[in-house]
Amino acid sequence: MRLYLRSADRRPDPPPLRTNDRAVILAGLAVWAVLLVAALALHSRLAAAGRGWWVWTPVAGIVLGLYGLHYVRKRDSRPTADRSPSPAPADTAPTGTAAADPAPAPPAREGTQARRS
């Protein structure tokens, strides 16, 4: 049994699975909302037991879920390899031209060597 395979010996990676991330996040948000309602209904008992902070746990879950929805919406709106890329701006200089070359380094200053006594 070999633990390492050379790149030439490896099979190609399978394509990534298409998932419905929005549905998963919405299901999670629904669970957090139910837990928030339960925590609010039991708030007096939780506070008496010193666990009043438990109400904030589903609130944090809901806030993070809303951020997840925002992230997924933004991610899905970006162009990918499957979609046609946007055209490059016209004012971009092609690679290998003088505009793309870095500026030359400044000359070394004279007299920078330390003096010996």
C-alpha atoms as a PDB file:
ATOM      1  CA  MET A   1       0.000   0.000   0.000  1.00  0.00           C
ATOM      2  CA  ARG A   2       1.394   3.387  -0.980  1.00  0.00           C
ATOM      3  CA  LEU A   3       0.598   6.496   1.014  1.00  0.00           C
ATOM      4  CA  TYR A   4       1.635   8.948  -1.676  1.00  0.00           C
ATOM      5  CA  LEU A   5       0.743   8.980  -5.356  1.00  0.00           C
ATOM      6  CA  ARG A   6       2.552  11.019  -7.925  1.00  0.00           C
ATOM      7  CA  SER A   7       0.414  13.540  -9.779  1.00  0.00           C
ATOM      8  CA  ALA A   8       0.678  11.467 -12.953  1.00  0.00           C
ATOM      9  CA  ASP A   9      -0.702   8.377 -11.136  1.00  0.00           C
ATOM     10  CA  ARG A  10      -3.716  10.138  -9.592  1.00  0.00           C
ATOM     11  CA  ARG A  11      -7.184  10.006 -11.049  1.00  0.00           C
ATOM     12  CA  PRO A  12      -8.689  13.437 -11.774  1.00  0.00           C
ATOM     13  CA  ASP A  13     -10.753  15.052  -9.028  1.00  0.00           C
ATOM     14  CA  PRO A  14     -14.491  14.645  -9.442  1.00  0.00           C
ATOM     15  CA  PRO A  15     -16.501  17.774 -10.215  1.00  0.00           C
ATOM     16  CA  PRO A  16     -17.997  19.504  -7.163  1.00  0.00           C
ATOM     17  CA  LEU A  17     -21.566  18.610  -6.274  1.00  0.00           C
ATOM     18  CA  ARG A  18     -24.252  21.209  -6.895  1.00  0.00           C
ATOM     19  CA  THR A  19     -26.139  21.851  -3.672  1.00  0.00           C
ATOM     20  CA  ASN A  20     -28.992  24.106  -2.678  1.00  0.00           C
ATOM     21  CA  ASP A  21     -27.210  26.104   0.025  1.00  0.00           C
ATOM     22  CA  ARG A  22     -30.088  28.545   0.345  1.00  0.00           C
ATOM     23  CA  ALA A  23     -32.524  25.776   1.348  1.00  0.00           C
ATOM     24  CA  VAL A  24     -30.101  24.420   3.951  1.00  0.00           C
ATOM     25  CA  ILE A  25     -29.606  27.866   5.486  1.00  0.00           C
ATOM     26  CA  LEU A  26     -33.358  28.528   5.521  1.00  0.00           C
ATOM     27  CA  ALA A  27     -33.943  25.189   7.301  1.00  0.00           C
ATOM     28  CA  GLY A  28     -31.321  26.144   9.877  1.00  0.00           C
ATOM     29  CA  LEU A  29     -32.951  29.541  10.351  1.00  0.00           C
ATOM     30  CA  ALA A  30     -36.301  27.826  10.951  1.00  0.00           C
ATOM     31  CA  VAL A  31     -34.753  25.592  13.629  1.00  0.00           C
ATOM     32  CA  TRP A  32     -33.132  28.599  15.334  1.00  0.00           C
ATOM     33  CA  ALA A  33     -36.447  30.491  15.217  1.00  0.00           C
ATOM     34  CA  VAL A  34     -38.262  27.586  16.921  1.00  0.00           C
ATOM     35  CA  LEU A  35     -35.539  27.439  19.562  1.00  0.00           C
ATOM     36  CA  LEU A  36     -35.830  31.192  20.116  1.00  0.00           C
ATOM     37  CA  VAL A  37     -39.583  30.913  20.678  1.00  0.00           C
ATOM     38  CA  ALA A  38     -38.994  28.046  23.137  1.00  0.00           C
ATOM     39  CA  ALA A  39     -36.269  30.000  24.960  1.00  0.00           C
ATOM     40  CA  LEU A  40     -38.507  33.064  25.230  1.00  0.00           C
ATOM     41  CA  ALA A  41     -41.387  30.940  26.516  1.00  0.00           C
ATOM     42  CA  LEU A  42     -39.141  29.438  29.179  1.00  0.00           C
ATOM     43  CA  HIS A  43     -37.165  32.609  29.913  1.00  0.00           C
ATOM     44  CA  SER A  44     -38.358  32.983  33.514  1.00  0.00           C
ATOM     45  CA  ARG A  45     -37.380  29.397  34.347  1.00  0.00           C
ATOM     46  CA  LEU A  46     -34.041  29.766  32.566  1.00  0.00           C
ATOM     47  CA  ALA A  47     -33.278  33.038  34.366  1.00  0.00           C
ATOM     48  CA  ALA A  48     -34.149  31.464  37.743  1.00  0.00           C
ATOM     49  CA  ALA A  49     -31.686  28.654  37.014  1.00  0.00           C
ATOM     50  CA  GLY A  50     -28.960  31.146  36.006  1.00  0.00           C
ATOM     51  CA  ARG A  51     -29.266  30.344  32.327  1.00  0.00           C
ATOM     52  CA  GLY A  52     -30.960  33.473  31.036  1.00  0.00           C
ATOM     53  CA  TRP A  53     -28.168  33.896  28.525  1.00  0.00           C
ATOM     54  CA  TRP A  54     -29.491  30.865  26.634  1.00  0.00           C
ATOM     55  CA  VAL A  55     -31.933  33.188  24.867  1.00  0.00           C
ATOM     56  CA  TRP A  56     -29.004  34.825  23.060  1.00  0.00           C
ATOM     57  CA  THR A  57     -27.809  31.547  21.534  1.00  0.00           C
ATOM     58  CA  PRO A  58     -30.671  31.236  19.014  1.00  0.00           C
ATOM     59  CA  VAL A  59     -30.440  34.989  18.366  1.00  0.00           C
ATOM     60  CA  ALA A  60     -26.799  34.505  17.369  1.00  0.00           C
ATOM     61  CA  GLY A  61     -27.799  31.535  15.197  1.00  0.00           C
ATOM     62  CA  ILE A  62     -30.410  33.626  13.407  1.00  0.00           C
ATOM     63  CA  VAL A  63     -27.977  36.510  12.833  1.00  0.00           C
ATOM     64  CA  LEU A  64     -25.326  34.147  11.454  1.00  0.00           C
ATOM     65  CA  GLY A  65     -27.939  32.461   9.252  1.00  0.00           C
ATOM     66  CA  LEU A  66     -28.990  35.814   7.808  1.00  0.00           C
ATOM     67  CA  TYR A  67     -25.344  36.587   7.103  1.00  0.00           C
ATOM     68  CA  GLY A  68     -25.067  33.173   5.432  1.00  0.00           C
ATOM     69  CA  LEU A  69     -28.011  33.990   3.176  1.00  0.00           C
ATOM     70  CA  HIS A  70     -26.386  37.291   2.238  1.00  0.00           C
ATOM     71  CA  TYR A  71     -23.069  35.531   1.521  1.00  0.00           C
ATOM     72  CA  VAL A  72     -24.684  32.834  -0.635  1.00  0.00           C
ATOM     73  CA  ARG A  73     -26.662  35.408  -2.616  1.00  0.00           C
ATOM     74  CA  LYS A  74     -23.508  37.445  -3.215  1.00  0.00           C
ATOM     75  CA  ARG A  75     -21.471  34.339  -4.109  1.00  0.00           C
ATOM     76  CA  ASP A  76     -24.061  33.132  -6.581  1.00  0.00           C
ATOM     77  CA  SER A  77     -24.184  36.504  -8.337  1.00  0.00           C
ATOM     78  CA  ARG A  78     -20.440  36.428  -9.127  1.00  0.00           C
ATOM     79  CA  PRO A  79     -19.369  35.035 -12.498  1.00  0.00           C
ATOM     80  CA  THR A  80     -17.808  31.562 -12.375  1.00  0.00           C
ATOM     81  CA  ALA A  81     -16.056  29.308 -14.863  1.00  0.00           C
ATOM     82  CA  ASP A  82     -19.456  27.927 -15.911  1.00  0.00           C
ATOM     83  CA  ARG A  83     -20.707  31.379 -16.863  1.00  0.00           C
ATOM     84  CA  SER A  84     -19.149  33.689 -19.414  1.00  0.00           C
ATOM     85  CA  PRO A  85     -16.606  36.067 -17.819  1.00  0.00           C
ATOM     86  CA  SER A  86     -16.989  39.789 -18.149  1.00  0.00           C
ATOM     87  CA  PRO A  87     -14.803  41.412 -20.814  1.00  0.00           C
ATOM     88  CA  ALA A  88     -11.522  42.980 -19.723  1.00  0.00           C
ATOM     89  CA  PRO A  89     -11.404  46.789 -19.513  1.00  0.00           C
ATOM     90  CA  ALA A  90     -10.092  48.499 -22.675  1.00  0.00           C
ATOM     91  CA  ASP A  91      -7.505  50.637 -20.845  1.00  0.00           C
ATOM     92  CA  THR A  92      -5.535  47.609 -19.602  1.00  0.00           C
ATOM     93  CA  ALA A  93      -2.015  47.314 -21.027  1.00  0.00           C
ATOM     94  CA  PRO A  94      -1.194  43.881 -22.508  1.00  0.00           C
ATOM     95  CA  THR A  95       1.363  41.725 -20.720  1.00  0.00           C
ATOM     96  CA  GLY A  96       4.977  42.221 -21.740  1.00  0.00           C
ATOM     97  CA  THR A  97       4.740  45.886 -22.692  1.00  0.00           C
ATOM     98  CA  ALA A  98       6.712  48.709 -21.151  1.00  0.00           C
ATOM     99  CA  ALA A  99       3.674  49.772 -19.109  1.00  0.00           C
ATOM    100  CA  ALA A 100       3.667  46.441 -17.293  1.00  0.00           C
ATOM    101  CA  ASP A 101       7.429  46.481 -16.525  1.00  0.00           C
ATOM    102  CA  PRO A 102       8.406  47.776 -13.077  1.00  0.00           C
ATOM    103  CA  ALA A 103      10.408  50.979 -12.711  1.00  0.00           C
ATOM    104  CA  PRO A 104      14.217  50.545 -12.523  1.00  0.00           C
ATOM    105  CA  ALA A 105      15.825  50.508  -9.083  1.00  0.00           C
ATOM    106  CA  PRO A 106      17.461  53.792  -7.983  1.00  0.00           C
ATOM    107  CA  PRO A 107      21.294  53.883  -8.090  1.00  0.00           C
ATOM    108  CA  ALA A 108      23.186  53.138  -4.867  1.00  0.00           C
ATOM    109  CA  ARG A 109      24.328  56.181  -2.887  1.00  0.00           C
ATOM    110  CA  GLU A 110      28.035  56.892  -2.666  1.00  0.00           C
ATOM    111  CA  GLY A 111      29.836  56.910   0.658  1.00  0.00           C
ATOM    112  CA  THR A 112      27.559  54.429   2.401  1.00  0.00           C
ATOM    113  CA  GLN A 113      30.403  52.149   3.443  1.00  0.00           C
ATOM    114  CA  ALA A 114      31.497  52.373   7.082  1.00  0.00           C
ATOM    115  CA  ARG A 115      34.793  54.130   7.790  1.00  0.00           C
ATOM    116  CA  ARG A 116      37.585  52.243   9.473  1.00  0.00           C
ATOM    117  CA  SER A 117      39.877  54.064  11.856  1.00  0.00           C
END
